[in-house]
C-alpha atoms as a PDB file:
ATOM      1  CA  MET A   1      37.589  -4.555   4.882  1.00  0.00           C
ATOM      2  CA  ASN A   2      39.342  -7.905   4.180  1.00  0.00           C
ATOM      3  CA  ILE A   3      37.767 -10.763   2.212  1.00  0.00           C
ATOM      4  CA  ARG A   4      36.801 -12.754   5.328  1.00  0.00           C
ATOM      5  CA  ARG A   5      34.949  -9.833   6.862  1.00  0.00           C
ATOM      6  CA  MET A   6      33.278  -9.068   3.555  1.00  0.00           C
ATOM      7  CA  ILE A   7      31.968 -12.633   3.220  1.00  0.00           C
ATOM      8  CA  LEU A   8      30.777 -12.609   6.844  1.00  0.00           C
ATOM      9  CA  PHE A   9      28.942  -9.341   6.190  1.00  0.00           C
ATOM     10  CA  VAL A  10      27.161 -10.718   3.135  1.00  0.00           C
ATOM     11  CA  PHE A  11      26.163 -13.967   4.857  1.00  0.00           C
ATOM     12  CA  SER A  12      24.811 -11.938   7.779  1.00  0.00           C
ATOM     13  CA  ILE A  13      22.568 -10.034   5.359  1.00  0.00           C
ATOM     14  CA  MET A  14      21.353 -13.288   3.798  1.00  0.00           C
ATOM     15  CA  LEU A  15      20.614 -14.748   7.227  1.00  0.00           C
ATOM     16  CA  LEU A  16      18.638 -11.664   8.222  1.00  0.00           C
ATOM     17  CA  SER A  17      16.703 -11.899   4.978  1.00  0.00           C
ATOM     18  CA  TYR A  18      15.457 -15.358   5.916  1.00  0.00           C
ATOM     19  CA  CYS A  19      14.452 -14.432   9.451  1.00  0.00           C
ATOM     20  CA  SER A  20      10.944 -13.327  10.361  1.00  0.00           C
ATOM     21  CA  THR A  21      10.630  -9.820  11.757  1.00  0.00           C
ATOM     22  CA  GLY A  22       6.920 -10.047  12.480  1.00  0.00           C
ATOM     23  CA  PHE A  23       5.112 -10.974  15.657  1.00  0.00           C
ATOM     24  CA  THR A  24       2.375 -13.348  16.624  1.00  0.00           C
ATOM     25  CA  ARG A  25      -0.902 -12.405  18.260  1.00  0.00           C
ATOM     26  CA  GLU A  26       0.317 -13.965  21.495  1.00  0.00           C
ATOM     27  CA  GLU A  27       3.322 -11.643  21.678  1.00  0.00           C
ATOM     28  CA  ARG A  28       1.200  -8.499  21.752  1.00  0.00           C
ATOM     29  CA  SER A  29       0.131  -7.643  25.299  1.00  0.00           C
ATOM     30  CA  TYR A  30      -3.116  -5.767  25.745  1.00  0.00           C
ATOM     31  CA  PRO A  31      -4.133  -3.831  28.864  1.00  0.00           C
ATOM     32  CA  SER A  32      -6.417  -5.762  31.156  1.00  0.00           C
ATOM     33  CA  ALA A  33      -9.601  -4.324  32.571  1.00  0.00           C
ATOM     34  CA  GLY A  34      -9.351  -6.676  35.544  1.00  0.00           C
ATOM     35  CA  TYR A  35     -12.498  -8.672  34.701  1.00  0.00           C
ATOM     36  CA  GLN A  36     -13.021 -12.304  35.551  1.00  0.00           C
ATOM     37  CA  VAL A  37     -14.928 -14.209  32.915  1.00  0.00           C
ATOM     38  CA  ASP A  38     -17.746 -16.072  34.610  1.00  0.00           C
ATOM     39  CA  VAL A  39     -21.530 -16.357  34.499  1.00  0.00           C
ATOM     40  CA  ALA A  40     -21.959 -13.284  36.683  1.00  0.00           C
ATOM     41  CA  SER A  41     -19.910 -11.118  34.297  1.00  0.00           C
ATOM     42  CA  ILE A  42     -22.033 -12.322  31.369  1.00  0.00           C
ATOM     43  CA  HIS A  43     -25.210 -11.302  33.208  1.00  0.00           C
ATOM     44  CA  THR A  44     -23.627  -7.938  34.008  1.00  0.00           C
ATOM     45  CA  GLU A  45     -22.951  -7.307  30.333  1.00  0.00           C
ATOM     46  CA  LEU A  46     -26.498  -8.304  29.391  1.00  0.00           C
ATOM     47  CA  GLN A  47     -27.848  -5.718  31.803  1.00  0.00           C
ATOM     48  CA  ARG A  48     -26.201  -2.871  29.896  1.00  0.00           C
ATOM     49  CA  ARG A  49     -28.600  -0.907  27.730  1.00  0.00           C
ATOM     50  CA  PRO A  50     -28.031   1.667  24.979  1.00  0.00           C
ATOM     51  CA  GLN A  51     -28.747   5.137  26.303  1.00  0.00           C
ATOM     52  CA  LEU A  52     -27.324   7.530  23.754  1.00  0.00           C
ATOM     53  CA  ARG A  53     -29.545  10.326  22.529  1.00  0.00           C
ATOM     54  CA  PHE A  54     -28.948  11.306  18.947  1.00  0.00           C
ATOM     55  CA  PRO A  55     -27.315  13.350  17.683  1.00  0.00           C
ATOM     56  CA  THR A  56     -24.459  12.633  20.067  1.00  0.00           C
ATOM     57  CA  ARG A  57     -20.877  13.799  20.584  1.00  0.00           C
ATOM     58  CA  ILE A  58     -18.370  11.129  19.541  1.00  0.00           C
ATOM     59  CA  ALA A  59     -14.717  11.300  20.556  1.00  0.00           C
ATOM     60  CA  VAL A  60     -12.099   9.340  18.600  1.00  0.00           C
ATOM     61  CA  PHE A  61      -9.240   7.677  20.495  1.00  0.00           C
ATOM     62  CA  LEU A  62      -6.290   6.370  18.452  1.00  0.00           C
ATOM     63  CA  ASP A  63      -4.842   3.365  20.250  1.00  0.00           C
ATOM     64  CA  GLN A  64      -1.310   3.090  18.929  1.00  0.00           C
ATOM     65  CA  PRO A  65       0.966   1.048  21.216  1.00  0.00           C
ATOM     66  CA  PRO A  66       4.696   1.819  21.137  1.00  0.00           C
ATOM     67  CA  THR A  67       6.723  -0.066  18.529  1.00  0.00           C
ATOM     68  CA  ARG A  68       8.320  -3.195  19.917  1.00  0.00           C
ATOM     69  CA  ARG A  69      11.746  -4.477  18.949  1.00  0.00           C
ATOM     70  CA  GLY A  70      11.524  -6.405  15.696  1.00  0.00           C
ATOM     71  CA  GLU A  71       8.454  -4.517  14.463  1.00  0.00           C
ATOM     72  CA  ALA A  72       8.467  -2.040  11.598  1.00  0.00           C
ATOM     73  CA  PRO A  73       7.550   1.403  12.960  1.00  0.00           C
ATOM     74  CA  TRP A  74       4.236   2.871  11.826  1.00  0.00           C
ATOM     75  CA  ARG A  75       1.815   5.566  12.911  1.00  0.00           C
ATOM     76  CA  PHE A  76      -1.627   6.898  12.125  1.00  0.00           C
ATOM     77  CA  THR A  77      -1.011   9.656   9.596  1.00  0.00           C
ATOM     78  CA  ALA A  78      -2.990  12.840   9.026  1.00  0.00           C
ATOM     79  CA  SER A  79      -4.515  11.155   5.972  1.00  0.00           C
ATOM     80  CA  ASP A  80      -5.675   8.195   8.084  1.00  0.00           C
ATOM     81  CA  ILE A  81      -7.232  10.494  10.669  1.00  0.00           C
ATOM     82  CA  GLU A  82      -8.958  12.554   7.990  1.00  0.00           C
ATOM     83  CA  GLN A  83     -10.654   9.426   6.630  1.00  0.00           C
ATOM     84  CA  VAL A  84     -12.333   8.976  10.015  1.00  0.00           C
ATOM     85  CA  THR A  85     -13.044  12.562  11.051  1.00  0.00           C
ATOM     86  CA  GLY A  86     -14.118  13.293   7.481  1.00  0.00           C
ATOM     87  CA  LEU A  87     -17.274  11.284   8.205  1.00  0.00           C
ATOM     88  CA  GLU A  88     -18.507  14.014  10.554  1.00  0.00           C
ATOM     89  CA  GLU A  89     -20.485  15.995   7.985  1.00  0.00           C
ATOM     90  CA  GLU A  90     -22.413  12.944   6.796  1.00  0.00           C
ATOM     91  CA  LEU A  91     -23.063  11.769  10.361  1.00  0.00           C
ATOM     92  CA  ARG A  92     -24.338  15.229  11.292  1.00  0.00           C
ATOM     93  CA  ALA A  93     -26.651  15.278   8.282  1.00  0.00           C
ATOM     94  CA  ALA A  94     -28.004  11.850   9.261  1.00  0.00           C
ATOM     95  CA  GLY A  95     -28.635  12.986  12.829  1.00  0.00           C
ATOM     96  CA  VAL A  96     -26.193  10.468  14.293  1.00  0.00           C
ATOM     97  CA  ALA A  97     -23.485  12.820  15.547  1.00  0.00           C
ATOM     98  CA  SER A  98     -23.498  16.418  16.629  1.00  0.00           C
ATOM     99  CA  GLN A  99     -19.707  16.315  16.631  1.00  0.00           C
ATOM    100  CA  LEU A 100     -16.964  13.820  15.740  1.00  0.00           C
ATOM    101  CA  PHE A 101     -13.537  14.844  17.008  1.00  0.00           C
ATOM    102  CA  LEU A 102     -10.103  13.463  17.811  1.00  0.00           C
ATOM    103  CA  MET A 103      -9.050  13.211  21.450  1.00  0.00           C
ATOM    104  CA  THR A 104      -5.652  14.741  22.216  1.00  0.00           C
ATOM    105  CA  GLU A 105      -2.872  13.522  24.465  1.00  0.00           C
ATOM    106  CA  GLN A 106      -2.816  16.867  26.276  1.00  0.00           C
ATOM    107  CA  THR A 107      -5.965  15.876  28.159  1.00  0.00           C
ATOM    108  CA  ALA A 108      -4.164  12.825  29.531  1.00  0.00           C
ATOM    109  CA  ILE A 109      -1.125  14.917  30.460  1.00  0.00           C
ATOM    110  CA  LEU A 110      -3.164  17.532  32.323  1.00  0.00           C
ATOM    111  CA  SER A 111      -5.205  14.777  33.987  1.00  0.00           C
ATOM    112  CA  GLY A 112      -2.081  13.050  35.311  1.00  0.00           C
ATOM    113  CA  LEU A 113      -2.668  10.059  33.029  1.00  0.00           C
ATOM    114  CA  ALA A 114       0.102  10.618  30.484  1.00  0.00           C
ATOM    115  CA  HIS A 115       1.788   7.357  31.526  1.00  0.00           C
ATOM    116  CA  GLN A 116      -1.371   5.465  30.532  1.00  0.00           C
ATOM    117  CA  TRP A 117      -1.963   7.143  27.167  1.00  0.00           C
ATOM    118  CA  GLU A 118      -0.033   4.627  25.042  1.00  0.00           C
ATOM    119  CA  GLN A 119      -1.601   1.551  26.661  1.00  0.00           C
ATOM    120  CA  ALA A 120      -4.796   2.899  28.131  1.00  0.00           C
ATOM    121  CA  ASN A 121      -7.542   0.482  29.127  1.00  0.00           C
ATOM    122  CA  LEU A 122     -11.189   1.115  28.344  1.00  0.00           C
ATOM    123  CA  GLU A 123     -11.942   2.749  31.704  1.00  0.00           C
ATOM    124  CA  THR A 124      -9.158   5.291  31.204  1.00  0.00           C
ATOM    125  CA  ILE A 125     -10.310   6.006  27.653  1.00  0.00           C
ATOM    126  CA  ARG A 126     -13.887   6.563  28.844  1.00  0.00           C
ATOM    127  CA  LEU A 127     -12.665   8.915  31.562  1.00  0.00           C
ATOM    128  CA  LEU A 128     -10.685  10.985  29.072  1.00  0.00           C
ATOM    129  CA  ALA A 129     -13.636  11.021  26.666  1.00  0.00           C
ATOM    130  CA  ALA A 130     -15.878  12.255  29.479  1.00  0.00           C
ATOM    131  CA  ARG A 131     -13.450  15.099  30.144  1.00  0.00           C
ATOM    132  CA  HIS A 132     -13.779  16.004  26.467  1.00  0.00           C
ATOM    133  CA  GLY A 133     -17.531  16.195  26.972  1.00  0.00           C
ATOM    134  CA  ALA A 134     -18.173  13.186  24.715  1.00  0.00           C
ATOM    135  CA  GLU A 135     -21.067  10.794  25.168  1.00  0.00           C
ATOM    136  CA  ALA A 136     -19.553   8.030  23.038  1.00  0.00           C
ATOM    137  CA  VAL A 137     -15.968   7.094  22.224  1.00  0.00           C
ATOM    138  CA  LEU A 138     -14.689   5.422  19.067  1.00  0.00           C
ATOM    139  CA  VAL A 139     -11.512   3.461  19.828  1.00  0.00           C
ATOM    140  CA  ILE A 140      -9.367   2.710  16.766  1.00  0.00           C
ATOM    141  CA  SER A 141      -6.307   0.493  16.964  1.00  0.00           C
ATOM    142  CA  GLY A 142      -3.793  -0.855  14.471  1.00  0.00           C
ATOM    143  CA  GLU A 143      -1.421  -3.789  14.370  1.00  0.00           C
ATOM    144  CA  SER A 144       1.226  -4.726  11.820  1.00  0.00           C
ATOM    145  CA  ARG A 145       3.059  -7.891  10.913  1.00  0.00           C
ATOM    146  CA  VAL A 146       6.097  -8.097   8.661  1.00  0.00           C
ATOM    147  CA  THR A 147       7.807 -11.273   7.493  1.00  0.00           C
ATOM    148  CA  ALA A 148      11.117 -11.366   5.658  1.00  0.00           C
ATOM    149  CA  SER A 149      12.405 -13.917   3.180  1.00  0.00           C
ATOM    150  CA  ALA A 150      14.945 -14.242   0.391  1.00  0.00           C
ATOM    151  CA  ASN A 151      14.751 -15.844  -3.037  1.00  0.00           C
ATOM    152  CA  PRO A 152      17.519 -17.773  -4.841  1.00  0.00           C
ATOM    153  CA  LEU A 153      18.805 -14.564  -6.431  1.00  0.00           C
ATOM    154  CA  SER A 154      20.055 -13.504  -3.019  1.00  0.00           C
ATOM    155  CA  ILE A 155      23.103 -15.720  -3.591  1.00  0.00           C
ATOM    156  CA  MET A 156      24.310 -12.843  -5.773  1.00  0.00           C
ATOM    157  CA  TYR A 157      24.697 -10.785  -2.608  1.00  0.00           C
ATOM    158  CA  LEU A 158      28.087 -12.520  -2.377  1.00  0.00           C
ATOM    159  CA  THR A 159      29.250 -10.140  -5.101  1.00  0.00           C
ATOM    160  CA  ILE A 160      28.668  -7.255  -2.667  1.00  0.00           C
ATOM    161  CA  ALA A 161      27.318  -5.071  -5.494  1.00  0.00           C
ATOM    162  CA  GLY A 162      24.408  -7.497  -5.660  1.00  0.00           C
ATOM    163  CA  VAL A 163      23.192  -6.197  -2.294  1.00  0.00           C
ATOM    164  CA  TRP A 164      22.152  -3.013  -4.113  1.00  0.00           C
ATOM    165  CA  LEU A 165      21.450  -4.437  -7.579  1.00  0.00           C
ATOM    166  CA  ILE A 166      19.792  -7.867  -7.264  1.00  0.00           C
ATOM    167  CA  PRO A 167      16.121  -8.125  -6.132  1.00  0.00           C
ATOM    168  CA  GLY A 168      16.659 -11.042  -3.795  1.00  0.00           C
ATOM    169  CA  SER A 169      14.748  -9.891  -0.699  1.00  0.00           C
ATOM    170  CA  HIS A 170      11.025 -10.039   0.053  1.00  0.00           C
ATOM    171  CA  ARG A 171       8.951  -8.278   2.680  1.00  0.00           C
ATOM    172  CA  ASP A 172       5.321  -9.237   3.234  1.00  0.00           C
ATOM    173  CA  ALA A 173       3.215  -6.995   5.453  1.00  0.00           C
ATOM    174  CA  LEU A 174      -0.192  -7.537   7.003  1.00  0.00           C
ATOM    175  CA  PHE A 175      -1.972  -4.671   8.743  1.00  0.00           C
ATOM    176  CA  TYR A 176      -5.077  -4.892  10.928  1.00  0.00           C
ATOM    177  CA  ILE A 177      -7.380  -2.011  11.817  1.00  0.00           C
ATOM    178  CA  ARG A 178      -9.947  -2.509  14.569  1.00  0.00           C
ATOM    179  CA  ALA A 179     -12.541  -0.083  15.889  1.00  0.00           C
ATOM    180  CA  SER A 180     -15.233  -0.192  18.558  1.00  0.00           C
ATOM    181  CA  LEU A 181     -17.787   2.400  19.625  1.00  0.00           C
ATOM    182  CA  TRP A 182     -18.554   2.567  23.367  1.00  0.00           C
ATOM    183  CA  ASP A 183     -20.980   4.439  25.555  1.00  0.00           C
ATOM    184  CA  VAL A 184     -18.930   6.682  27.840  1.00  0.00           C
ATOM    185  CA  ARG A 185     -21.426   6.358  30.708  1.00  0.00           C
ATOM    186  CA  ASN A 186     -22.166   2.650  30.935  1.00  0.00           C
ATOM    187  CA  GLN A 187     -19.662   0.984  28.543  1.00  0.00           C
ATOM    188  CA  PHE A 188     -22.354  -0.349  26.207  1.00  0.00           C
ATOM    189  CA  LEU A 189     -20.806  -1.539  22.942  1.00  0.00           C
ATOM    190  CA  TYR A 190     -22.650  -0.085  19.942  1.00  0.00           C
ATOM    191  CA  ALA A 191     -20.523  -1.269  17.039  1.00  0.00           C
ATOM    192  CA  SER A 192     -17.239  -2.894  16.088  1.00  0.00           C
ATOM    193  CA  VAL A 193     -15.386  -2.955  12.782  1.00  0.00           C
ATOM    194  CA  GLN A 194     -12.268  -4.764  11.571  1.00  0.00           C
ATOM    195  CA  ALA A 195     -10.358  -4.693   8.294  1.00  0.00           C
ATOM    196  CA  GLU A 196      -6.983  -5.855   7.060  1.00  0.00           C
ATOM    197  CA  GLY A 197      -4.642  -5.077   4.203  1.00  0.00           C
ATOM    198  CA  GLU A 198      -1.673  -6.851   2.672  1.00  0.00           C
ATOM    199  CA  ALA A 199       1.337  -5.608   0.713  1.00  0.00           C
ATOM    200  CA  THR A 200       4.494  -7.167  -0.715  1.00  0.00           C
ATOM    201  CA  GLN A 201       7.856  -5.712  -1.580  1.00  0.00           C
ATOM    202  CA  LEU A 202      10.593  -7.286  -3.714  1.00  0.00           C
ATOM    203  CA  ARG A 203      13.839  -5.332  -3.845  1.00  0.00           C
ATOM    204  CA  PRO A 204      17.603  -5.606  -3.425  1.00  0.00           C
ATOM    205  CA  TYR A 205      18.458  -5.860   0.264  1.00  0.00           C
ATOM    206  CA  GLY A 206      20.061  -2.419   0.241  1.00  0.00           C
ATOM    207  CA  PHE A 207      16.772  -0.787  -0.808  1.00  0.00           C
ATOM    208  CA  ILE A 208      14.253  -2.838   1.155  1.00  0.00           C
ATOM    209  CA  SER A 209      11.964  -0.741   3.361  1.00  0.00           C
ATOM    210  CA  GLU A 210       9.748  -2.345   5.960  1.00  0.00           C
ATOM    211  CA  GLU A 211       8.218   1.040   6.804  1.00  0.00           C
ATOM    212  CA  SER A 212       6.968   1.572   3.242  1.00  0.00           C
ATOM    213  CA  VAL A 213       5.520  -1.925   2.855  1.00  0.00           C
ATOM    214  CA  VAL A 214       3.666  -1.538   6.173  1.00  0.00           C
ATOM    215  CA  GLU A 215       2.343   1.839   5.025  1.00  0.00           C
ATOM    216  CA  SER A 216       1.065   0.228   1.813  1.00  0.00           C
ATOM    217  CA  ALA A 217      -0.676  -2.519   3.790  1.00  0.00           C
ATOM    218  CA  LYS A 218      -2.196   0.095   6.115  1.00  0.00           C
ATOM    219  CA  SER A 219      -3.517   2.113   3.187  1.00  0.00           C
ATOM    220  CA  ARG A 220      -5.205  -0.970   1.750  1.00  0.00           C
ATOM    221  CA  ALA A 221      -6.700  -1.799   5.139  1.00  0.00           C
ATOM    222  CA  PHE A 222      -8.136   1.715   5.428  1.00  0.00           C
ATOM    223  CA  ALA A 223      -9.648   1.387   1.944  1.00  0.00           C
ATOM    224  CA  ASP A 224     -11.898  -1.388   3.327  1.00  0.00           C
ATOM    225  CA  PHE A 225     -12.190  -0.048   6.860  1.00  0.00           C
ATOM    226  CA  THR A 226     -13.559   3.447   6.216  1.00  0.00           C
ATOM    227  CA  PRO A 227     -16.622   2.426   4.139  1.00  0.00           C
ATOM    228  CA  GLU A 228     -17.531  -0.279   6.668  1.00  0.00           C
ATOM    229  CA  LEU A 229     -17.139   2.148   9.572  1.00  0.00           C
ATOM    230  CA  ARG A 230     -19.346   4.661   7.763  1.00  0.00           C
ATOM    231  CA  LYS A 231     -22.040   2.029   7.220  1.00  0.00           C
ATOM    232  CA  ARG A 232     -21.994   0.897  10.844  1.00  0.00           C
ATOM    233  CA  LEU A 233     -22.154   4.417  12.257  1.00  0.00           C
ATOM    234  CA  LEU A 234     -24.977   5.506   9.969  1.00  0.00           C
ATOM    235  CA  ALA A 235     -26.961   2.439  11.063  1.00  0.00           C
ATOM    236  CA  LEU A 236     -26.908   3.531  14.722  1.00  0.00           C
ATOM    237  CA  LYS A 237     -29.959   5.725  14.411  1.00  0.00           C
END
């Protein structure tokens, strides 16, 4: 590699360090249920009534859209899932749930709805929950944002070795967790919960990891989310 190419390489790294790799709320597309917001639709919603009989069977649907270009990849881990399904024993003891279980993608595949699994709308989720024999469905979704920046020390990246030695790059992550509990039969909304977590990483560019900073932000979001979800579910009865 000649000197010109080496300098171009280093400046490319510095430029990338200053560019945002996150996304705005407007860039995320959510599936539409096809409703028109008008007075009639408001009256329709007001006509819905809670009809669950406790204890009830609650299915959990993890709404994790595919990673878009420019986003750090993330997923709901076994630890995340355990924090939610681990509430089952307490909910059973309180008479709220007879069962709390995770819905699987296989149901969508065997139902011919595999193409809708990653961006399923509420009607599809309710249908799949019904096929699981659930009376209520808890929809949990996540969303991450990552922004990148560089501090003045990044000028040392020009030494090439500085790319791996000088902590000149920042990553700031914000992670949202949202959950809503719906009646499978009539789409009555029983509860909704939201929490967020933040994390920061300062490292040399060669060791920066957007995946790990997003995971840290997600863990902090779950630390607030799980207790609030527990409180809201126990208050149903």
